[in-house]
Every structure is written in structure tokens, then in C-alpha cells.
Amino acid sequence: MAEVYGTLKGKNASWVKLFIGKDGKTLSIDNKVSARSRGADVGAEFKELGVDER
């Protein structure tokens, strides 16, 4: 999976947020992941993508 999304750095994968829709299509890829703001970032991204809150 890391090779498919280009997140493989040497032998290790870097952190990436993938947003995948109900139809299985990739909605968004975020390579700038921050552990401190992850929850707020995900919530904001859902709103931007128009994802239902339920």
C-alpha cells in the first residue's frame, strides 16, 4: 500500500492520511500529518470534502 501511494521512505512508510469514499475511490491524500492536530485536521477535511457527519 505504501508503494501505491508513494509514501515509502527507504524501508519505512511515512505517515499519510487517506480519505476513501464509500465507493472505494480516493477522495484526498494528506502527506502533512501532525499528531498534535490530527483530530481537528480530519474534522476540517471531512467538512471540505462534504462528508456526512454521521
C-alpha atoms as a PDB file:
ATOM      1  CA  MET A   1       0.000   0.000   0.000  1.00  0.00           C
ATOM      2  CA  ALA A   2       2.823   2.393   0.840  1.00  0.00           C
ATOM      3  CA  GLU A   3       4.329   1.857  -2.607  1.00  0.00           C
ATOM      4  CA  VAL A   4       0.991   2.549  -4.314  1.00  0.00           C
ATOM      5  CA  TYR A   5       0.584   5.936  -2.601  1.00  0.00           C
ATOM      6  CA  GLY A   6       4.266   6.891  -2.784  1.00  0.00           C
ATOM      7  CA  THR A   7       4.779   7.024   0.971  1.00  0.00           C
ATOM      8  CA  LEU A   8       7.624   4.545   1.213  1.00  0.00           C
ATOM      9  CA  LYS A   9      10.801   6.184   2.548  1.00  0.00           C
ATOM     10  CA  GLY A  10      13.569   3.593   2.362  1.00  0.00           C
ATOM     11  CA  LYS A  11      12.267   0.571   4.281  1.00  0.00           C
ATOM     12  CA  ASN A  12       9.690   2.557   6.266  1.00  0.00           C
ATOM     13  CA  ALA A  13       6.448   4.246   5.294  1.00  0.00           C
ATOM     14  CA  SER A  14       5.774   7.845   6.277  1.00  0.00           C
ATOM     15  CA  TRP A  15       2.508   8.936   7.901  1.00  0.00           C
ATOM     16  CA  VAL A  16      -0.256   9.796   5.447  1.00  0.00           C
ATOM     17  CA  LYS A  17      -3.989  10.405   5.851  1.00  0.00           C
ATOM     18  CA  LEU A  18      -6.080   8.793   3.149  1.00  0.00           C
ATOM     19  CA  PHE A  19      -9.741   9.686   2.778  1.00  0.00           C
ATOM     20  CA  ILE A  20     -11.578   6.986   0.857  1.00  0.00           C
ATOM     21  CA  GLY A  21     -15.223   7.373  -0.157  1.00  0.00           C
ATOM     22  CA  LYS A  22     -17.990   4.800   0.202  1.00  0.00           C
ATOM     23  CA  ASP A  23     -17.471   3.902  -3.452  1.00  0.00           C
ATOM     24  CA  GLY A  24     -13.826   2.992  -2.741  1.00  0.00           C
ATOM     25  CA  LYS A  25     -12.377   5.970  -4.623  1.00  0.00           C
ATOM     26  CA  THR A  26      -9.689   8.105  -3.021  1.00  0.00           C
ATOM     27  CA  LEU A  27     -11.124  11.486  -2.030  1.00  0.00           C
ATOM     28  CA  SER A  28      -7.970  13.051  -0.631  1.00  0.00           C
ATOM     29  CA  ILE A  29      -4.385  12.275   0.340  1.00  0.00           C
ATOM     30  CA  ASP A  30      -2.683  14.365   3.020  1.00  0.00           C
ATOM     31  CA  ASN A  31       1.086  13.928   3.348  1.00  0.00           C
ATOM     32  CA  LYS A  32       1.451  16.596   6.057  1.00  0.00           C
ATOM     33  CA  VAL A  33       0.287  14.678   9.114  1.00  0.00           C
ATOM     34  CA  SER A  34       0.619  16.202  12.580  1.00  0.00           C
ATOM     35  CA  ALA A  35      -0.048  14.028  15.629  1.00  0.00           C
ATOM     36  CA  ARG A  36      -0.985  17.113  17.684  1.00  0.00           C
ATOM     37  CA  SER A  37      -3.713  18.397  15.381  1.00  0.00           C
ATOM     38  CA  ARG A  38      -4.811  15.148  13.724  1.00  0.00           C
ATOM     39  CA  GLY A  39      -8.352  15.121  15.132  1.00  0.00           C
ATOM     40  CA  ALA A  40      -9.111  18.706  14.183  1.00  0.00           C
ATOM     41  CA  ASP A  41      -7.458  18.240  10.785  1.00  0.00           C
ATOM     42  CA  VAL A  42      -9.601  15.207   9.996  1.00  0.00           C
ATOM     43  CA  GLY A  43     -12.777  17.034  11.022  1.00  0.00           C
ATOM     44  CA  ALA A  44     -11.896  20.010   8.826  1.00  0.00           C
ATOM     45  CA  GLU A  45     -11.057  17.749   5.882  1.00  0.00           C
ATOM     46  CA  PHE A  46     -14.403  15.948   6.217  1.00  0.00           C
ATOM     47  CA  LYS A  47     -16.199  19.301   6.033  1.00  0.00           C
ATOM     48  CA  GLU A  48     -14.172  20.367   2.984  1.00  0.00           C
ATOM     49  CA  LEU A  49     -14.981  17.089   1.234  1.00  0.00           C
ATOM     50  CA  GLY A  50     -18.675  17.351   2.126  1.00  0.00           C
ATOM     51  CA  VAL A  51     -18.649  14.070   4.055  1.00  0.00           C
ATOM     52  CA  ASP A  52     -21.799  13.442   6.117  1.00  0.00           C
ATOM     53  CA  GLU A  53     -21.103  13.788   9.842  1.00  0.00           C
ATOM     54  CA  ARG A  54     -22.984  10.647  10.766  1.00  0.00           C
END
